Amino acid sequence: MDMVENNPAEFQRVPVRDGLLAGDLRRLDGVRLAGTRCHSCGEVSLGQNQVCLNCGGDQVSHVSLSDRGMLWSYTIVRNRPPGDYKGPDPFKPFGIGLVELPDGIRVMSPLDVEISDVQIGMPLQFRAFVQHVDAEHHEVIAFKFTGVA
């Protein structure tokens, strides 16, 4: 069990970026990436936007994006990123991939896959997780894609 389910009065969950995640953050297995679908041009974009990022139209709807995708491209991060890195300490190399979703969008995401197993075209599964606890004692929820057996 995670911290919110164990201590509901102590922790509040917040997304790593407003408008990025859809669903109840108290139950991470139901969280998905949030998207915006334009009624004019049909474009799907990442996050909850008020206008279409493609055509500028204001007739949009907010949707939950698919939790399955395919690895379209990737790179391996072999050195600790500069700045306020929130990953494992000591640093462990990891993959970052461009994940193609059936919704018609590609999303840049950390990959929770052994580096030796990463390959273009592999199926991936979305997973929301507690990245860290911030200064206000909020559990910050981020996402990554994991391998599918």
N, C-alpha and C. Protein backbone atom coordinates (compact mmCIF):
# COMPACT_ATOMS: atom_id res chain seq x y z
N MET A 1 0.84 -1.19 0.00
CA MET A 1 0.00 0.00 0.00
C MET A 1 0.87 1.24 0.00
N ASP A 2 0.35 2.32 -0.57
CA ASP A 2 1.12 3.54 -0.61
C ASP A 2 0.76 4.45 0.57
N MET A 3 1.45 5.59 0.64
CA MET A 3 1.31 6.46 1.80
C MET A 3 -0.10 7.03 1.97
N VAL A 4 -0.77 7.41 0.90
CA VAL A 4 -2.09 8.01 1.01
C VAL A 4 -3.07 7.00 1.59
N GLU A 5 -3.01 5.77 1.14
CA GLU A 5 -3.94 4.76 1.63
C GLU A 5 -3.65 4.41 3.09
N ASN A 6 -2.40 4.51 3.53
CA ASN A 6 -2.05 4.23 4.92
C ASN A 6 -2.32 5.41 5.84
N ASN A 7 -2.12 6.62 5.37
CA ASN A 7 -2.24 7.82 6.19
C ASN A 7 -3.03 8.90 5.44
N PRO A 8 -4.32 8.71 5.22
CA PRO A 8 -5.07 9.63 4.38
C PRO A 8 -5.09 11.06 4.88
N ALA A 9 -4.98 11.30 6.17
CA ALA A 9 -5.01 12.66 6.69
C ALA A 9 -3.67 13.37 6.51
N GLU A 10 -2.59 12.62 6.37
CA GLU A 10 -1.26 13.22 6.32
C GLU A 10 -0.84 13.67 4.93
N PHE A 11 -1.24 12.97 3.89
CA PHE A 11 -0.73 13.24 2.56
C PHE A 11 -1.83 13.65 1.59
N GLN A 12 -1.48 14.56 0.74
CA GLN A 12 -2.33 14.91 -0.39
C GLN A 12 -1.50 14.68 -1.64
N ARG A 13 -2.12 14.21 -2.69
CA ARG A 13 -1.40 13.93 -3.93
C ARG A 13 -1.64 15.05 -4.94
N VAL A 14 -0.58 15.39 -5.65
CA VAL A 14 -0.65 16.40 -6.71
C VAL A 14 0.07 15.86 -7.93
N PRO A 15 -0.39 16.24 -9.13
CA PRO A 15 0.32 15.80 -10.33
C PRO A 15 1.63 16.56 -10.49
N VAL A 16 2.58 15.95 -11.17
CA VAL A 16 3.87 16.59 -11.41
C VAL A 16 3.69 17.87 -12.23
N ARG A 17 2.61 17.93 -13.03
CA ARG A 17 2.25 19.14 -13.79
C ARG A 17 0.73 19.21 -13.88
N ASP A 18 0.16 20.37 -13.60
CA ASP A 18 -1.29 20.54 -13.69
C ASP A 18 -1.79 20.18 -15.09
N GLY A 19 -2.92 19.48 -15.15
CA GLY A 19 -3.54 19.14 -16.41
C GLY A 19 -2.92 17.98 -17.15
N LEU A 20 -1.92 17.32 -16.55
CA LEU A 20 -1.22 16.23 -17.23
C LEU A 20 -1.86 14.87 -16.99
N LEU A 21 -2.45 14.68 -15.82
CA LEU A 21 -3.00 13.37 -15.45
C LEU A 21 -4.51 13.44 -15.27
N ALA A 22 -5.18 12.35 -15.63
CA ALA A 22 -6.63 12.23 -15.47
C ALA A 22 -6.91 11.08 -14.52
N GLY A 23 -7.93 11.23 -13.70
CA GLY A 23 -8.31 10.17 -12.77
C GLY A 23 -8.04 10.57 -11.34
N ASP A 24 -8.46 9.69 -10.44
CA ASP A 24 -8.34 9.90 -9.01
C ASP A 24 -6.93 9.55 -8.56
N LEU A 25 -6.17 10.54 -8.12
CA LEU A 25 -4.78 10.31 -7.73
C LEU A 25 -4.66 9.43 -6.48
N ARG A 26 -5.76 9.21 -5.77
CA ARG A 26 -5.71 8.31 -4.61
C ARG A 26 -5.57 6.86 -5.02
N ARG A 27 -5.97 6.54 -6.25
CA ARG A 27 -5.91 5.17 -6.79
C ARG A 27 -5.07 5.21 -8.06
N LEU A 28 -3.80 4.99 -7.95
CA LEU A 28 -2.88 5.18 -9.08
C LEU A 28 -3.15 4.23 -10.23
N ASP A 29 -3.74 3.07 -9.97
CA ASP A 29 -4.00 2.13 -11.06
C ASP A 29 -5.08 2.65 -12.01
N GLY A 30 -5.86 3.66 -11.62
CA GLY A 30 -6.88 4.23 -12.49
C GLY A 30 -6.46 5.54 -13.14
N VAL A 31 -5.26 6.01 -12.86
CA VAL A 31 -4.78 7.27 -13.42
C VAL A 31 -4.27 7.04 -14.84
N ARG A 32 -4.53 7.99 -15.73
CA ARG A 32 -4.07 7.96 -17.12
C ARG A 32 -3.51 9.32 -17.48
N LEU A 33 -2.83 9.39 -18.60
CA LEU A 33 -2.43 10.68 -19.13
C LEU A 33 -3.68 11.41 -19.62
N ALA A 34 -3.74 12.70 -19.37
CA ALA A 34 -4.85 13.52 -19.86
C ALA A 34 -4.51 14.00 -21.27
N GLY A 35 -5.54 14.11 -22.09
CA GLY A 35 -5.36 14.61 -23.44
C GLY A 35 -6.48 15.54 -23.82
N THR A 36 -6.31 16.20 -24.95
CA THR A 36 -7.32 17.09 -25.50
C THR A 36 -7.54 16.70 -26.96
N ARG A 37 -8.81 16.51 -27.32
CA ARG A 37 -9.17 16.16 -28.70
C ARG A 37 -9.94 17.33 -29.30
N CYS A 38 -9.50 17.78 -30.48
CA CYS A 38 -10.13 18.90 -31.17
C CYS A 38 -11.31 18.39 -32.00
N HIS A 39 -12.45 19.05 -31.88
CA HIS A 39 -13.64 18.68 -32.65
C HIS A 39 -13.55 19.18 -34.09
N SER A 40 -12.70 20.19 -34.34
CA SER A 40 -12.56 20.75 -35.69
C SER A 40 -11.63 19.94 -36.57
N CYS A 41 -10.38 19.71 -36.08
CA CYS A 41 -9.38 19.05 -36.93
C CYS A 41 -9.09 17.61 -36.50
N GLY A 42 -9.57 17.19 -35.32
CA GLY A 42 -9.36 15.83 -34.86
C GLY A 42 -8.03 15.59 -34.16
N GLU A 43 -7.18 16.61 -34.06
CA GLU A 43 -5.87 16.48 -33.43
C GLU A 43 -6.02 16.12 -31.95
N VAL A 44 -5.14 15.25 -31.46
CA VAL A 44 -5.07 14.90 -30.05
C VAL A 44 -3.76 15.47 -29.52
N SER A 45 -3.82 16.15 -28.39
CA SER A 45 -2.61 16.70 -27.78
C SER A 45 -2.52 16.24 -26.33
N LEU A 46 -1.33 16.30 -25.78
CA LEU A 46 -1.08 15.89 -24.40
C LEU A 46 -1.51 17.00 -23.46
N GLY A 47 -2.19 16.64 -22.37
CA GLY A 47 -2.61 17.60 -21.36
C GLY A 47 -3.99 18.16 -21.65
N GLN A 48 -4.55 18.78 -20.63
CA GLN A 48 -5.87 19.41 -20.77
C GLN A 48 -5.67 20.85 -21.22
N ASN A 49 -5.96 21.09 -22.49
CA ASN A 49 -5.80 22.41 -23.09
C ASN A 49 -7.16 23.01 -23.38
N GLN A 50 -7.24 24.32 -23.39
CA GLN A 50 -8.51 25.01 -23.67
C GLN A 50 -8.73 25.26 -25.15
N VAL A 51 -7.64 25.21 -25.93
CA VAL A 51 -7.72 25.36 -27.38
C VAL A 51 -6.87 24.27 -28.02
N CYS A 52 -7.14 24.00 -29.28
CA CYS A 52 -6.37 23.00 -30.03
C CYS A 52 -4.98 23.56 -30.31
N LEU A 53 -3.96 22.78 -30.00
CA LEU A 53 -2.59 23.20 -30.25
C LEU A 53 -2.24 23.13 -31.73
N ASN A 54 -3.06 22.46 -32.53
CA ASN A 54 -2.82 22.33 -33.96
C ASN A 54 -3.47 23.46 -34.76
N CYS A 55 -4.78 23.65 -34.56
CA CYS A 55 -5.51 24.64 -35.39
C CYS A 55 -5.99 25.86 -34.62
N GLY A 56 -5.86 25.84 -33.30
CA GLY A 56 -6.30 26.97 -32.50
C GLY A 56 -7.79 26.97 -32.19
N GLY A 57 -8.53 25.96 -32.64
CA GLY A 57 -9.96 25.88 -32.40
C GLY A 57 -10.28 25.74 -30.93
N ASP A 58 -11.43 26.28 -30.53
CA ASP A 58 -11.81 26.21 -29.11
C ASP A 58 -12.88 25.16 -28.82
N GLN A 59 -13.23 24.35 -29.80
CA GLN A 59 -14.17 23.25 -29.60
C GLN A 59 -13.38 21.97 -29.33
N VAL A 60 -13.02 21.77 -28.07
CA VAL A 60 -12.20 20.63 -27.68
C VAL A 60 -12.88 19.86 -26.55
N SER A 61 -12.47 18.63 -26.37
CA SER A 61 -12.91 17.85 -25.22
C SER A 61 -11.69 17.23 -24.57
N HIS A 62 -11.80 17.06 -23.25
CA HIS A 62 -10.71 16.44 -22.49
C HIS A 62 -10.95 14.94 -22.46
N VAL A 63 -9.90 14.17 -22.72
CA VAL A 63 -10.00 12.72 -22.80
C VAL A 63 -8.88 12.10 -21.97
N SER A 64 -9.07 10.86 -21.58
CA SER A 64 -8.00 10.06 -20.98
C SER A 64 -7.33 9.29 -22.11
N LEU A 65 -6.02 9.34 -22.17
CA LEU A 65 -5.29 8.66 -23.22
C LEU A 65 -5.10 7.18 -22.87
N SER A 66 -4.79 6.39 -23.85
CA SER A 66 -4.60 4.95 -23.68
C SER A 66 -3.47 4.66 -22.69
N ASP A 67 -3.59 3.56 -21.98
CA ASP A 67 -2.53 3.14 -21.05
C ASP A 67 -1.56 2.14 -21.69
N ARG A 68 -1.70 1.90 -22.98
CA ARG A 68 -0.79 1.01 -23.72
C ARG A 68 -0.18 1.77 -24.88
N GLY A 69 1.04 1.44 -25.20
CA GLY A 69 1.71 2.08 -26.33
C GLY A 69 2.82 1.20 -26.86
N MET A 70 3.54 1.75 -27.84
CA MET A 70 4.65 1.04 -28.47
C MET A 70 5.85 1.99 -28.50
N LEU A 71 7.02 1.46 -28.22
CA LEU A 71 8.23 2.30 -28.23
C LEU A 71 8.59 2.66 -29.65
N TRP A 72 8.57 3.94 -29.94
CA TRP A 72 8.84 4.46 -31.29
C TRP A 72 10.32 4.83 -31.44
N SER A 73 10.91 5.37 -30.39
CA SER A 73 12.33 5.74 -30.39
C SER A 73 12.78 5.88 -28.93
N TYR A 74 14.08 5.86 -28.69
CA TYR A 74 14.56 5.99 -27.31
C TYR A 74 16.02 6.42 -27.27
N THR A 75 16.45 6.80 -26.07
CA THR A 75 17.86 7.04 -25.78
C THR A 75 18.11 6.55 -24.36
N ILE A 76 19.35 6.30 -24.05
CA ILE A 76 19.74 5.87 -22.71
C ILE A 76 20.46 7.04 -22.03
N VAL A 77 20.01 7.40 -20.84
CA VAL A 77 20.63 8.45 -20.04
C VAL A 77 21.65 7.75 -19.14
N ARG A 78 22.92 8.01 -19.40
CA ARG A 78 23.99 7.32 -18.68
C ARG A 78 24.66 8.17 -17.61
N ASN A 79 24.34 9.47 -17.58
CA ASN A 79 24.91 10.37 -16.58
C ASN A 79 23.77 11.05 -15.82
N ARG A 80 24.00 11.29 -14.56
CA ARG A 80 22.98 11.94 -13.72
C ARG A 80 22.59 13.29 -14.32
N PRO A 81 21.28 13.50 -14.55
CA PRO A 81 20.83 14.78 -15.10
C PRO A 81 21.15 15.92 -14.12
N PRO A 82 21.46 17.11 -14.64
CA PRO A 82 21.76 18.24 -13.76
C PRO A 82 20.48 18.77 -13.11
N GLY A 83 20.64 19.63 -12.14
CA GLY A 83 19.50 20.28 -11.50
C GLY A 83 18.87 19.44 -10.42
N ASP A 84 17.57 19.56 -10.28
CA ASP A 84 16.82 18.95 -9.19
C ASP A 84 16.33 17.55 -9.56
N TYR A 85 17.26 16.67 -9.86
CA TYR A 85 16.95 15.29 -10.27
C TYR A 85 16.26 14.55 -9.13
N LYS A 86 15.13 13.89 -9.43
CA LYS A 86 14.33 13.19 -8.41
C LYS A 86 14.42 11.67 -8.52
N GLY A 87 15.36 11.16 -9.28
CA GLY A 87 15.47 9.72 -9.48
C GLY A 87 16.25 9.05 -8.36
N PRO A 88 16.58 7.78 -8.58
CA PRO A 88 17.28 6.99 -7.55
C PRO A 88 18.65 7.58 -7.22
N ASP A 89 19.01 7.42 -5.97
CA ASP A 89 20.34 7.84 -5.51
C ASP A 89 20.94 6.64 -4.79
N PRO A 90 22.02 6.05 -5.26
CA PRO A 90 22.89 6.56 -6.32
C PRO A 90 22.23 6.42 -7.70
N PHE A 91 22.68 7.28 -8.62
CA PHE A 91 22.14 7.32 -9.97
C PHE A 91 22.29 5.97 -10.66
N LYS A 92 21.26 5.59 -11.39
CA LYS A 92 21.27 4.37 -12.20
C LYS A 92 20.86 4.76 -13.62
N PRO A 93 21.63 4.40 -14.65
CA PRO A 93 21.23 4.73 -16.03
C PRO A 93 19.82 4.23 -16.34
N PHE A 94 19.12 5.00 -17.19
CA PHE A 94 17.74 4.65 -17.53
C PHE A 94 17.42 5.08 -18.95
N GLY A 95 16.34 4.53 -19.48
CA GLY A 95 15.89 4.89 -20.82
C GLY A 95 14.83 5.97 -20.79
N ILE A 96 14.84 6.78 -21.83
CA ILE A 96 13.76 7.74 -22.09
C ILE A 96 13.28 7.42 -23.49
N GLY A 97 11.97 7.27 -23.64
CA GLY A 97 11.46 6.87 -24.94
C GLY A 97 10.33 7.75 -25.45
N LEU A 98 10.16 7.71 -26.75
CA LEU A 98 9.02 8.31 -27.40
C LEU A 98 8.03 7.17 -27.60
N VAL A 99 6.93 7.21 -26.87
CA VAL A 99 5.95 6.13 -26.85
C VAL A 99 4.77 6.52 -27.73
N GLU A 100 4.49 5.69 -28.74
CA GLU A 100 3.38 5.94 -29.64
C GLU A 100 2.12 5.30 -29.06
N LEU A 101 1.10 6.13 -28.83
CA LEU A 101 -0.18 5.66 -28.29
C LEU A 101 -1.18 5.48 -29.43
N PRO A 102 -2.14 4.58 -29.28
CA PRO A 102 -3.15 4.39 -30.32
C PRO A 102 -4.05 5.60 -30.51
N ASP A 103 -3.96 6.58 -29.60
CA ASP A 103 -4.76 7.80 -29.69
C ASP A 103 -4.25 8.75 -30.77
N GLY A 104 -3.12 8.40 -31.41
CA GLY A 104 -2.57 9.27 -32.45
C GLY A 104 -1.59 10.29 -31.93
N ILE A 105 -0.91 9.98 -30.87
CA ILE A 105 0.04 10.90 -30.25
C ILE A 105 1.26 10.12 -29.79
N ARG A 106 2.41 10.79 -29.77
CA ARG A 106 3.63 10.21 -29.21
C ARG A 106 4.01 11.02 -27.99
N VAL A 107 4.37 10.31 -26.92
CA VAL A 107 4.64 10.93 -25.62
C VAL A 107 6.05 10.57 -25.17
N MET A 108 6.82 11.58 -24.76
CA MET A 108 8.15 11.34 -24.21
C MET A 108 7.98 10.89 -22.75
N SER A 109 8.66 9.80 -22.40
CA SER A 109 8.47 9.24 -21.07
C SER A 109 9.72 8.50 -20.60
N PRO A 110 9.97 8.52 -19.28
CA PRO A 110 10.97 7.60 -18.74
C PRO A 110 10.49 6.16 -18.98
N LEU A 111 11.44 5.25 -19.14
CA LEU A 111 11.13 3.84 -19.36
C LEU A 111 11.56 3.04 -18.15
N ASP A 112 10.67 2.24 -17.62
CA ASP A 112 10.99 1.35 -16.51
C ASP A 112 11.20 -0.04 -17.09
N VAL A 113 12.32 -0.17 -17.80
CA VAL A 113 12.68 -1.40 -18.51
C VAL A 113 14.18 -1.57 -18.36
N GLU A 114 14.65 -2.79 -18.16
CA GLU A 114 16.09 -3.02 -18.14
C GLU A 114 16.70 -2.49 -19.44
N ILE A 115 17.79 -1.77 -19.32
CA ILE A 115 18.42 -1.15 -20.50
C ILE A 115 18.71 -2.18 -21.58
N SER A 116 19.15 -3.35 -21.20
CA SER A 116 19.48 -4.39 -22.18
C SER A 116 18.24 -4.92 -22.91
N ASP A 117 17.04 -4.68 -22.38
CA ASP A 117 15.81 -5.18 -22.98
C ASP A 117 15.10 -4.15 -23.87
N VAL A 118 15.56 -2.90 -23.84
CA VAL A 118 14.88 -1.84 -24.59
C VAL A 118 15.06 -2.07 -26.09
N GLN A 119 13.95 -2.04 -26.83
CA GLN A 119 14.02 -2.16 -28.29
C GLN A 119 12.83 -1.46 -28.94
N ILE A 120 13.10 -0.86 -30.08
CA ILE A 120 12.06 -0.18 -30.84
C ILE A 120 10.94 -1.18 -31.15
N GLY A 121 9.70 -0.73 -30.99
CA GLY A 121 8.54 -1.57 -31.29
C GLY A 121 8.03 -2.37 -30.11
N MET A 122 8.74 -2.35 -28.98
CA MET A 122 8.28 -3.14 -27.84
C MET A 122 7.00 -2.55 -27.25
N PRO A 123 6.08 -3.41 -26.80
CA PRO A 123 4.86 -2.91 -26.17
C PRO A 123 5.16 -2.38 -24.77
N LEU A 124 4.46 -1.30 -24.40
CA LEU A 124 4.68 -0.66 -23.11
C LEU A 124 3.35 -0.37 -22.44
N GLN A 125 3.40 -0.27 -21.12
CA GLN A 125 2.22 -0.02 -20.27
C GLN A 125 2.47 1.24 -19.45
N PHE A 126 1.50 2.16 -19.41
CA PHE A 126 1.56 3.37 -18.60
C PHE A 126 1.48 3.02 -17.12
N ARG A 127 2.24 3.75 -16.31
CA ARG A 127 2.15 3.55 -14.86
C ARG A 127 2.38 4.88 -14.16
N ALA A 128 1.42 5.28 -13.33
CA ALA A 128 1.56 6.46 -12.48
C ALA A 128 2.23 6.01 -11.18
N PHE A 129 3.06 6.87 -10.60
CA PHE A 129 3.75 6.50 -9.37
C PHE A 129 4.08 7.75 -8.55
N VAL A 130 4.35 7.55 -7.26
CA VAL A 130 4.77 8.64 -6.39
C VAL A 130 6.24 8.89 -6.67
N GLN A 131 6.54 10.06 -7.25
CA GLN A 131 7.92 10.39 -7.61
C GLN A 131 8.70 10.86 -6.39
N HIS A 132 8.07 11.74 -5.59
CA HIS A 132 8.72 12.26 -4.39
C HIS A 132 7.68 12.96 -3.52
N VAL A 133 8.07 13.37 -2.33
CA VAL A 133 7.23 14.18 -1.45
C VAL A 133 7.82 15.57 -1.45
N ASP A 134 6.98 16.58 -1.77
CA ASP A 134 7.49 17.94 -1.88
C ASP A 134 7.57 18.64 -0.52
N ALA A 135 7.98 19.89 -0.53
CA ALA A 135 8.18 20.66 0.71
C ALA A 135 6.88 20.85 1.49
N GLU A 136 5.74 20.82 0.81
CA GLU A 136 4.43 20.97 1.48
C GLU A 136 3.85 19.62 1.89
N HIS A 137 4.65 18.57 1.82
CA HIS A 137 4.25 17.21 2.19
C HIS A 137 3.21 16.62 1.25
N HIS A 138 3.22 17.06 -0.01
CA HIS A 138 2.36 16.46 -1.04
C HIS A 138 3.14 15.35 -1.73
N GLU A 139 2.47 14.24 -1.97
CA GLU A 139 3.06 13.21 -2.81
C GLU A 139 2.91 13.67 -4.26
N VAL A 140 4.01 13.80 -4.95
CA VAL A 140 3.99 14.26 -6.33
C VAL A 140 3.91 13.04 -7.24
N ILE A 141 2.86 13.01 -8.08
CA ILE A 141 2.60 11.86 -8.94
C ILE A 141 3.15 12.14 -10.34
N ALA A 142 4.00 11.25 -10.81
CA ALA A 142 4.58 11.33 -12.14
C ALA A 142 4.18 10.05 -12.89
N PHE A 143 4.77 9.84 -14.06
CA PHE A 143 4.44 8.64 -14.83
C PHE A 143 5.67 8.12 -15.54
N LYS A 144 5.57 6.85 -15.93
CA LYS A 144 6.58 6.21 -16.77
C LYS A 144 5.88 5.08 -17.51
N PHE A 145 6.59 4.53 -18.48
CA PHE A 145 6.06 3.36 -19.18
C PHE A 145 6.94 2.16 -18.86
N THR A 146 6.29 1.03 -18.61
CA THR A 146 6.99 -0.20 -18.25
C THR A 146 6.80 -1.23 -19.37
N GLY A 147 7.66 -2.23 -19.35
CA GLY A 147 7.54 -3.30 -20.33
C GLY A 147 6.32 -4.15 -20.08
N VAL A 148 5.82 -4.76 -21.13
CA VAL A 148 4.66 -5.66 -21.02
C VAL A 148 5.16 -7.07 -21.33
N ALA A 149 4.79 -8.00 -20.47
CA ALA A 149 5.25 -9.39 -20.65
C ALA A 149 4.53 -10.08 -21.78
